[in-house]
Protein backbone atom coordinates (compact mmCIF):
# COMPACT_ATOMS: atom_id res chain seq x y z
CA MET A 1 106.12 8.44 124.24
CA ILE A 2 105.89 8.92 120.48
CA SER A 3 109.08 7.97 118.64
CA ILE A 4 111.16 10.66 116.93
CA GLU A 5 110.61 9.00 113.55
CA LEU A 6 106.81 9.08 113.89
CA LEU A 7 106.87 12.63 115.27
CA THR A 8 109.01 13.79 112.34
CA GLY A 9 106.65 12.11 109.88
CA ILE A 10 103.62 13.79 111.47
CA LEU A 11 105.38 17.16 111.46
CA PHE A 12 106.32 17.08 107.77
CA ALA A 13 102.93 15.65 106.75
CA CYS A 14 101.18 18.54 108.51
CA ILE A 15 103.49 21.11 106.93
CA ILE A 16 103.06 19.74 103.40
CA ALA A 17 99.29 19.63 103.90
CA SER A 18 99.27 23.24 105.12
CA PHE A 19 101.32 24.35 102.09
CA ALA A 20 98.88 22.54 99.79
CA LEU A 21 95.98 24.36 101.46
CA GLY A 22 97.69 27.72 100.94
CA ALA A 23 98.49 28.53 104.58
CA PRO A 24 101.04 31.32 105.21
CA VAL A 25 104.48 29.75 105.24
CA GLY A 26 105.79 31.33 108.45
CA LEU A 27 102.60 30.54 110.33
CA ALA A 28 102.61 26.95 109.05
CA LEU A 29 106.22 26.28 110.03
CA GLY A 30 106.10 27.94 113.43
CA GLY A 31 102.50 27.13 114.34
CA ILE A 32 102.68 23.42 113.55
CA ALA A 33 106.02 23.07 115.35
CA MET A 34 104.60 24.80 118.44
CA GLY A 35 101.41 22.72 118.33
CA ILE A 36 103.20 19.38 118.10
CA GLY A 37 105.82 20.57 120.59
CA TYR A 38 103.13 21.51 123.10
CA MET A 39 101.52 18.09 122.80
CA THR A 40 104.95 16.51 123.34
CA TRP A 41 106.52 18.63 126.11
CA GLY A 42 103.66 20.75 127.42
CA ASP A 43 104.18 24.28 128.74
CA ALA A 44 107.96 23.86 128.92
CA LEU A 45 108.17 24.44 125.16
CA PHE A 46 107.00 28.04 125.48
CA ASN A 47 110.09 28.93 127.49
CA VAL A 48 112.10 28.45 124.30
CA ILE A 49 109.95 30.56 121.96
CA PRO A 50 110.71 34.05 123.40
CA THR A 51 114.44 33.31 123.22
CA THR A 52 114.07 32.18 119.61
CA LEU A 53 112.13 35.30 118.62
CA GLU A 54 114.60 37.60 120.36
CA SER A 55 117.68 35.99 118.83
CA THR A 56 116.08 36.13 115.37
CA HIS A 57 114.97 39.76 115.44
CA PHE A 58 118.15 41.05 117.08
CA SER A 59 120.50 39.16 114.77
CA PHE A 60 123.10 41.52 113.32
CA ILE A 61 123.64 39.20 110.35
CA LEU A 62 119.94 39.18 109.43
CA LEU A 63 119.92 42.99 109.51
CA ALA A 64 121.70 42.75 106.15
CA ILE A 65 118.53 41.37 104.52
CA PRO A 66 116.41 44.57 104.59
CA LEU A 67 119.43 46.62 103.54
CA TYR A 68 120.20 44.47 100.48
CA ILE A 69 116.53 44.28 99.50
CA TYR A 70 116.20 48.07 99.76
CA MET A 71 119.38 48.51 97.72
CA GLY A 72 117.96 46.24 95.03
CA GLN A 73 114.68 48.15 94.90
CA LEU A 74 116.50 51.47 94.56
CA LEU A 75 118.73 50.14 91.79
CA THR A 76 115.95 48.62 89.71
CA ARG A 77 113.67 51.66 90.07
CA SER A 78 116.37 54.20 89.21
CA GLY A 79 116.97 52.79 85.72
CA ILE A 80 120.40 51.37 86.50
CA GLY A 81 119.39 48.08 84.90
CA ASP A 82 118.87 49.90 81.59
CA ALA A 83 122.28 51.55 81.94
CA MET A 84 123.98 48.19 82.46
CA PHE A 85 122.05 46.70 79.54
CA ASN A 86 123.13 49.47 77.14
CA ALA A 87 126.75 49.31 78.29
CA SER A 88 126.88 45.55 77.85
CA GLN A 89 125.43 45.80 74.35
CA MET A 90 128.01 48.37 73.34
CA LEU A 91 130.86 46.32 74.82
CA ILE A 92 129.93 43.05 73.10
CA GLY A 93 129.28 44.69 69.74
CA ARG A 94 127.55 43.33 66.65
CA VAL A 95 127.93 39.56 66.81
CA ARG A 96 125.20 37.00 66.35
CA GLY A 97 123.44 36.50 69.66
CA SER A 98 125.04 39.58 71.24
CA LEU A 99 121.73 40.67 72.74
CA ALA A 100 121.24 37.23 74.33
CA ILE A 101 124.78 37.35 75.75
CA SER A 102 124.11 40.82 77.14
CA VAL A 103 120.91 39.57 78.73
CA ILE A 104 122.75 36.75 80.55
CA VAL A 105 125.37 39.13 81.94
CA VAL A 106 123.00 41.96 82.85
CA CYS A 107 120.20 39.77 84.19
CA SER A 108 122.66 37.98 86.47
CA MET A 109 123.76 41.37 87.80
CA ILE A 110 120.15 42.51 88.23
CA GLY A 111 119.37 39.26 90.00
CA ALA A 112 122.32 39.89 92.32
CA MET A 113 121.05 43.41 93.04
CA VAL A 114 117.61 42.11 93.97
CA GLY A 115 118.90 39.01 95.79
CA ILE A 116 115.67 37.01 95.36
CA ILE A 117 114.97 34.63 92.46
CA GLY A 118 111.37 35.66 91.76
CA ALA A 119 112.05 39.40 91.87
CA GLY A 120 115.24 38.95 89.83
CA ILE A 121 113.47 37.08 87.03
CA MET A 122 110.51 39.45 86.90
CA THR A 123 112.75 42.54 86.90
CA SER A 124 115.04 41.08 84.24
CA GLY A 125 112.11 39.97 82.10
CA SER A 126 110.42 43.35 82.22
CA ILE A 127 113.62 44.98 80.93
CA ALA A 128 114.91 42.44 78.38
CA LEU A 129 112.09 40.25 77.02
CA ARG A 130 110.35 42.77 74.78
CA PRO A 131 113.55 44.08 73.08
CA MET A 132 114.63 40.51 72.27
CA LEU A 133 111.27 39.54 70.78
CA GLU A 134 111.07 42.78 68.79
CA ARG A 135 114.50 42.13 67.24
CA GLY A 136 113.43 38.72 66.00
CA TYR A 137 115.07 36.46 68.56
CA ASP A 138 113.65 32.98 68.97
CA LYS A 139 111.18 33.22 71.85
CA ARG A 140 112.55 30.13 73.56
CA LEU A 141 116.08 31.50 73.51
CA ALA A 142 114.83 34.84 74.85
CA LEU A 143 112.88 33.19 77.66
CA GLY A 144 115.74 30.83 78.50
CA VAL A 145 118.46 33.45 78.86
CA ILE A 146 116.23 35.68 81.00
CA MET A 147 115.29 32.79 83.29
CA ALA A 148 118.88 31.51 83.48
CA GLY A 149 120.42 34.95 84.04
CA GLY A 150 117.80 36.29 86.44
CA GLY A 151 117.91 33.11 88.49
CA LEU A 152 121.67 33.45 88.96
CA GLY A 153 121.06 36.25 91.45
CA ILE A 154 121.11 33.94 94.47
CA LEU A 155 124.56 32.64 93.44
CA ILE A 156 126.09 36.11 93.02
CA PRO A 157 126.76 38.22 96.13
CA PRO A 158 125.00 39.82 97.85
CA SER A 159 122.57 36.89 98.06
CA ILE A 160 119.72 36.74 100.58
CA PRO A 161 119.66 32.89 100.73
CA MET A 162 123.42 32.89 101.42
CA ILE A 163 122.87 35.23 104.37
CA MET A 164 120.11 32.96 105.65
CA PHE A 165 122.35 29.90 105.32
CA ALA A 166 125.21 31.58 107.15
CA SER A 167 122.91 32.79 109.92
CA SER A 168 121.16 29.45 110.44
CA THR A 169 124.42 27.45 110.48
CA GLN A 170 126.65 30.01 112.27
CA ASN A 171 129.04 30.37 109.34
CA SER A 172 130.73 33.40 107.78
CA VAL A 173 128.63 35.39 105.31
CA GLY A 174 131.81 36.82 103.80
CA ARG A 175 133.18 33.33 103.10
CA MET A 176 129.88 32.36 101.51
CA PHE A 177 129.97 35.40 99.25
CA ILE A 178 133.57 34.83 98.17
CA GLY A 179 133.16 31.08 97.80
CA ALA A 180 130.31 31.59 95.34
CA LEU A 181 132.33 33.72 92.91
CA ILE A 182 134.12 30.96 90.96
CA PRO A 183 131.00 28.74 90.59
CA ALA A 184 129.04 31.81 89.46
CA LEU A 185 131.72 32.69 86.89
CA ILE A 186 131.79 29.10 85.59
CA THR A 187 128.01 29.15 85.23
CA ILE A 188 127.99 32.44 83.31
CA VAL A 189 130.76 31.24 80.97
CA LEU A 190 128.90 27.98 80.26
CA LEU A 191 125.64 29.82 79.57
CA ILE A 192 127.32 32.26 77.19
CA THR A 193 129.17 29.42 75.44
CA TYR A 194 125.88 27.60 74.91
CA VAL A 195 124.28 30.72 73.42
CA VAL A 196 127.20 31.32 71.05
CA ILE A 197 127.27 27.69 69.84
CA SER A 198 123.48 27.49 69.59
CA CYS A 199 123.28 30.67 67.50
CA LYS A 200 126.12 29.50 65.27
CA LEU A 201 124.45 26.14 64.60
CA ASN A 202 121.02 27.70 64.12
CA PRO A 203 121.37 31.33 62.95
CA LYS A 204 117.59 31.77 62.86
CA ARG A 205 117.51 31.74 66.67
CA ALA A 206 119.39 35.03 66.87
CA PRO A 207 119.55 37.42 63.90
CA MET A 208 122.43 39.81 63.53
CA ASP A 209 121.62 43.01 65.38
CA VAL A 210 120.66 45.79 63.01
CA VAL A 211 122.99 48.75 62.82
CA PRO A 212 121.04 51.83 63.96
CA GLU A 213 120.51 54.51 61.34
CA VAL A 214 122.07 57.11 63.62
CA GLN A 215 125.37 55.93 65.08
CA PRO A 216 126.13 57.07 68.64
CA THR A 217 128.75 59.76 68.95
CA PRO A 218 131.98 59.13 70.88
CA LYS A 219 130.55 61.21 73.72
CA GLU A 220 127.39 59.08 73.85
CA LYS A 221 129.49 55.91 73.84
CA PHE A 222 131.58 57.28 76.70
CA LEU A 223 128.49 58.18 78.74
CA THR A 224 126.96 54.75 78.15
CA ALA A 225 130.15 52.98 79.21
CA ARG A 226 130.51 55.26 82.24
CA ASP A 227 126.98 54.57 83.45
CA GLY A 228 127.41 50.82 83.09
CA ILE A 229 130.79 50.81 84.85
CA LEU A 230 129.48 52.91 87.74
CA SER A 231 126.58 50.50 88.18
CA LEU A 232 128.95 47.53 88.25
CA LEU A 233 131.30 49.30 90.65
CA LEU A 234 128.55 49.49 93.26
CA ILE A 235 128.33 45.70 93.42
CA VAL A 236 132.14 45.50 93.49
CA ALA A 237 132.22 48.03 96.35
CA VAL A 238 129.67 46.05 98.36
CA LEU A 239 131.61 42.80 98.00
CA GLY A 240 135.04 44.45 98.14
CA SER A 241 134.32 46.12 101.47
CA ILE A 242 133.72 42.66 102.94
CA ILE A 243 136.80 41.05 101.37
CA MET A 244 139.10 43.89 102.46
CA GLY A 245 137.74 43.81 106.01
CA ILE A 246 136.44 47.37 105.79
CA ALA A 247 132.87 46.39 106.60
CA THR A 248 130.82 43.46 107.82
CA PRO A 249 128.18 42.05 105.42
CA THR A 250 125.54 44.09 107.26
CA GLU A 251 127.58 47.28 107.05
CA SER A 252 128.25 46.62 103.36
CA GLY A 253 124.48 46.51 102.87
CA ALA A 254 124.29 50.04 104.27
CA ILE A 255 127.10 51.05 101.90
CA GLY A 256 125.06 49.60 99.05
CA VAL A 257 121.96 51.60 100.00
CA VAL A 258 123.91 54.86 100.14
CA GLY A 259 125.65 54.00 96.87
CA ALA A 260 122.34 53.25 95.16
CA ILE A 261 120.97 56.65 96.23
CA VAL A 262 124.14 58.39 95.02
CA LEU A 263 123.88 56.64 91.63
CA ALA A 264 120.21 57.59 91.33
CA ILE A 265 121.18 61.22 91.94
CA PHE A 266 124.06 60.92 89.47
CA PHE A 267 121.76 59.47 86.79
CA LYS A 268 119.28 62.31 87.52
CA ARG A 269 116.56 59.82 88.41
CA PHE A 270 116.37 60.54 92.11
CA LYS A 271 112.85 61.44 93.14
CA PRO A 272 111.26 61.31 96.60
CA ARG A 273 108.42 59.30 95.10
CA MET A 274 110.88 56.71 93.76
CA VAL A 275 112.56 56.38 97.16
CA GLN A 276 109.17 56.05 98.84
CA LYS A 277 108.00 53.31 96.46
CA ALA A 278 111.30 51.46 96.82
CA GLY A 279 110.98 51.67 100.60
CA MET A 280 107.39 50.42 100.59
CA GLN A 281 108.20 47.47 98.33
CA ALA A 282 111.30 46.63 100.36
CA ALA A 283 109.28 46.77 103.58
CA LEU A 284 106.72 44.40 102.08
CA LEU A 285 109.38 41.90 100.98
CA VAL A 286 111.24 42.15 104.29
CA SER A 287 108.08 41.61 106.34
CA VAL A 288 107.29 38.47 104.34
CA ALA A 289 110.87 37.22 104.66
CA MET A 290 111.04 37.89 108.41
CA TRP A 291 107.78 36.06 109.11
CA ILE A 292 109.20 33.08 107.25
CA ILE A 293 112.48 33.35 109.16
CA VAL A 294 110.72 33.54 112.53
CA GLY A 295 108.52 30.54 111.74
CA ALA A 296 111.47 28.59 110.38
CA SER A 297 113.56 29.45 113.45
CA VAL A 298 110.88 28.01 115.74
CA PHE A 299 110.72 24.99 113.42
CA SER A 300 114.53 24.55 113.53
CA ASN A 301 114.69 24.82 117.32
CA PHE A 302 111.92 22.26 117.60
CA HIS A 303 114.03 19.98 115.40
CA LEU A 304 117.01 20.39 117.71
CA LEU A 305 114.93 19.70 120.83
CA MET A 306 113.36 16.68 119.18
CA GLY A 307 116.73 15.27 118.08
CA VAL A 308 115.97 15.14 114.35
CA GLN A 309 119.57 16.01 113.47
CA ASN A 310 120.89 13.04 115.46
CA MET A 311 118.19 10.83 113.98
CA VAL A 312 119.14 11.77 110.41
CA ALA A 313 122.85 11.34 111.21
CA GLY A 314 122.19 7.91 112.71
CA PHE A 315 120.03 6.94 109.75
CA THR A 316 122.75 7.84 107.23
CA GLN A 317 125.34 5.92 109.26
CA ASP A 318 123.10 2.85 109.44
CA LEU A 319 122.79 2.89 105.65
CA GLY A 320 126.57 2.46 105.42
CA LEU A 321 126.78 4.76 102.40
CA PRO A 322 129.97 6.55 101.32
CA PRO A 323 130.02 10.20 102.47
CA ILE A 324 129.65 11.58 98.94
CA VAL A 325 126.54 9.45 98.40
CA VAL A 326 125.04 10.96 101.56
CA ILE A 327 125.73 14.43 100.14
CA MET A 328 124.06 13.39 96.87
CA LEU A 329 121.06 12.11 98.83
CA PHE A 330 120.75 15.49 100.55
CA GLN A 331 120.92 17.18 97.14
CA LEU A 332 118.10 14.99 95.84
CA ILE A 333 115.90 15.83 98.83
CA MET A 334 116.46 19.58 98.35
CA LEU A 335 115.86 19.27 94.62
CA LEU A 336 112.46 17.68 95.25
CA LEU A 337 111.59 20.29 97.88
CA GLY A 338 112.35 23.02 95.34
CA PHE A 339 109.38 21.88 93.28
CA ILE A 340 106.91 22.90 95.99
CA ILE A 341 108.52 25.58 98.20
CA ASP A 342 110.73 28.61 97.62
CA GLU A 343 114.41 29.14 98.28
CA PHE A 344 114.03 30.78 101.70
CA ILE A 345 112.16 27.87 103.22
CA ILE A 346 114.48 25.21 101.78
CA VAL A 347 117.52 26.93 103.28
CA LEU A 348 115.92 27.48 106.68
CA MET A 349 114.48 23.95 106.86
CA CYS A 350 117.43 21.97 105.52
CA ALA A 351 120.56 23.93 106.43
CA PRO A 352 120.40 23.41 110.24
CA ILE A 353 119.81 19.66 109.78
CA PHE A 354 122.02 18.73 106.83
CA THR A 355 125.04 21.03 107.35
CA PRO A 356 126.25 19.59 110.70
CA ILE A 357 125.99 16.10 109.23
CA ALA A 358 128.01 17.16 106.17
CA VAL A 359 130.65 18.67 108.47
CA SER A 360 130.76 15.48 110.57
CA LEU A 361 131.47 13.59 107.34
CA GLY A 362 134.53 15.78 106.78
CA TYR A 363 133.15 18.32 104.31
CA ASP A 364 133.56 22.09 104.41
CA PRO A 365 130.34 23.90 105.47
CA ILE A 366 130.85 26.72 102.95
CA TRP A 367 131.22 24.19 100.13
CA PHE A 368 128.04 22.45 101.27
CA GLY A 369 126.25 25.81 101.46
CA ILE A 370 127.19 26.70 97.88
CA LEU A 371 126.02 23.25 96.75
CA MET A 372 122.71 23.98 98.45
CA ILE A 373 122.38 27.36 96.71
CA LEU A 374 123.22 25.81 93.31
CA ASN A 375 120.71 23.03 93.92
CA ILE A 376 117.94 25.43 94.92
CA GLU A 377 118.60 27.57 91.85
CA ILE A 378 118.13 24.48 89.68
CA ALA A 379 115.11 23.17 91.58
CA VAL A 380 112.99 26.30 91.38
CA GLN A 381 113.57 26.52 87.60
CA THR A 382 113.01 22.85 86.74
CA PRO A 383 109.85 22.02 84.73
CA PRO A 384 107.06 21.43 85.33
CA TYR A 385 106.71 22.50 88.97
CA GLY A 386 109.53 24.98 89.59
CA PHE A 387 107.77 28.07 90.89
CA ALA A 388 110.18 30.49 89.16
CA LEU A 389 108.71 29.38 85.82
CA PHE A 390 105.41 30.95 86.77
CA TYR A 391 107.06 34.27 87.64
CA LEU A 392 108.30 34.50 84.05
CA LYS A 393 104.88 33.54 82.72
CA GLY A 394 103.41 36.41 84.73
CA ILE A 395 105.34 39.06 82.79
CA ALA A 396 105.43 37.32 79.37
CA PRO A 397 103.07 38.24 76.50
CA PRO A 398 99.86 36.16 76.21
CA SER A 399 101.28 34.37 73.16
CA ILE A 400 103.94 32.73 75.37
CA THR A 401 102.69 29.39 76.71
CA MET A 402 103.95 27.39 79.68
CA LEU A 403 105.19 24.77 77.19
CA ASP A 404 107.38 27.45 75.59
CA ILE A 405 108.83 28.29 79.00
CA TYR A 406 109.41 24.61 79.84
CA LYS A 407 111.31 24.03 76.59
CA SER A 408 113.26 27.28 76.89
CA ILE A 409 114.75 26.59 80.30
CA THR A 410 115.59 22.88 79.89
CA PRO A 411 119.09 23.25 78.30
CA PHE A 412 120.04 25.94 80.82
CA VAL A 413 118.92 23.78 83.74
CA LEU A 414 121.10 20.95 82.40
CA LEU A 415 124.08 23.31 82.21
CA LYS A 416 123.53 24.43 85.81
CA LEU A 417 123.25 20.80 86.83
CA LEU A 418 126.66 20.27 85.20
CA VAL A 419 128.06 23.11 87.33
CA LEU A 420 126.61 21.47 90.45
CA ILE A 421 128.34 18.20 89.57
CA ILE A 422 131.65 19.97 88.85
CA VAL A 423 131.56 21.84 92.17
CA MET A 424 130.65 18.63 93.99
CA MET A 425 133.65 16.86 92.43
CA PHE A 426 136.08 19.74 93.03
CA PRO A 427 135.39 21.45 96.39
CA GLU A 428 138.46 23.64 95.88
CA LEU A 429 136.44 25.71 93.42
CA VAL A 430 134.58 27.01 96.48
CA THR A 431 137.14 26.79 99.28
CA TRP A 432 140.28 28.10 97.56
CA LEU A 433 139.35 31.77 97.10
CA PRO A 434 138.03 32.35 100.67
CA SER A 435 141.18 30.74 102.09
CA GLN A 436 143.38 33.00 99.95
CA LEU A 437 141.52 36.24 100.66
CA MET A 438 140.41 35.77 104.27
CA ASP A 439 143.03 33.49 105.84
CA GLY A 440 146.09 35.27 104.57
C-alpha cells in the first residue's frame, strides 16, 4: 500500500498543478481527493461523500455566509460607504493626512461589511482612490492606505474566513469575532500612526485639505454625522447581538440584512433594482464560495481518513522543536500558500490539519485562528504574488503601475507583520475579551 507521505505528496502536487492550469478550485480540491481516494480505498470512499455534502449544505453556521455577503452588497450599493467617508472626514477635521486617515478607518469598515478581501479592496478603491489623487496625495500613500484598510475586512467582524475557520474546526464563531477586536484595533492604530508620522516627515505626501468655498451649515454637519453613526451602528448591532446572547452569528446575519434594507430606505436610496442587483451579486459570490467549501470539505475528510493530521503531528514531534517554533512553521506554510491561493482555500485546507495540532501543544484554538487570519491578510497583500494586489490594479487608473502598488503596500505589510508577532507573543490579546464577555 502507498505510504501516507507519498500519497500526501501526490495529492498536493496534483492540486498545485490543477491551480496552475486554471482549474476551478472546488472541483480541483474535491475531484482530486475523490480520485486518489477511489484508487486507495475503492467504492467504500463514496459512502462518505453524501454525508460530507449533507453536513456542509445543512450547516447552520455556514448559513451566515450568504446573509453577511448579501448585507455587504446592500450596504455598498446603497451609498452607505460614502456616508461613512463623509462623516469620518468631518470628525477628523483639517489635519495633514486627514483624508488618508479617513480612508483607513472607512475602508476597514467597508471591508468588514463585505467580508471578503478582494471585494473589500475593490469597493474601497472605487470610493476613495480618485478623491485622494485629485487632492494631490502621493499615489503610493493613496494606494497603500486603500489596500491596508480594505484588506482589514477579514479581521473585523463579521468576517467570512472567521466563519469558515469556526465551522471547519468546530469552534465558536462568536469567540472568533470577539477575539479579533483587539488585534484589529491595534492594527488600525498602527496604520494611522504610520500615516501621521509619514506625512509629518514628508509633507508633500499629503497636502493640507483645502477648505471648501461654501462651508457646511450646522444642519448639514448634523446630517452627515447622523448618517455615518447610523452606518456604524449597524455593524455594532450585528456584533452586539452575538456578544449579548440575543442572536447566534447566523441570526445576526439576518439582522444585518434587515438593518441594511432599513438604512437604504432611510437614506432614500432603496430601489427594487438595487436590491435585485445586490441579490444577484450575492448569489454569485455565495455560489462560488459554496463550491469551494464543498470541495474543501471532501478534501478535509479525505485528509482525516488518510491520517494526514496524525502524520503532521508525528512529524513535528520527531523534529523535537519547541511548540512556538511549530506554530511559526505553520505560519510560514500559510504565508507561502497565500501567494498562490485565496483566503477561503487556505482556511479550509489548513485549519482542520493545523488547529488540532496547535491545541495538542497547549494553545488556544481561537488564538491560533486569529493568527491564521492575520497571516492570510498579510500573505495575499505581499508583493509580488499576493493576489489582492491585482484587485487594486484592476480599479486603478492606467498610470498606476504594479511597481507603484508593490512599493505602496510594503510598509503596511511590515506593520501588519508586527501585529502578527505581537499577537503571537501575547495570546491574551485574543483570549482575554472573549473570556470576559462570554464566560462571565
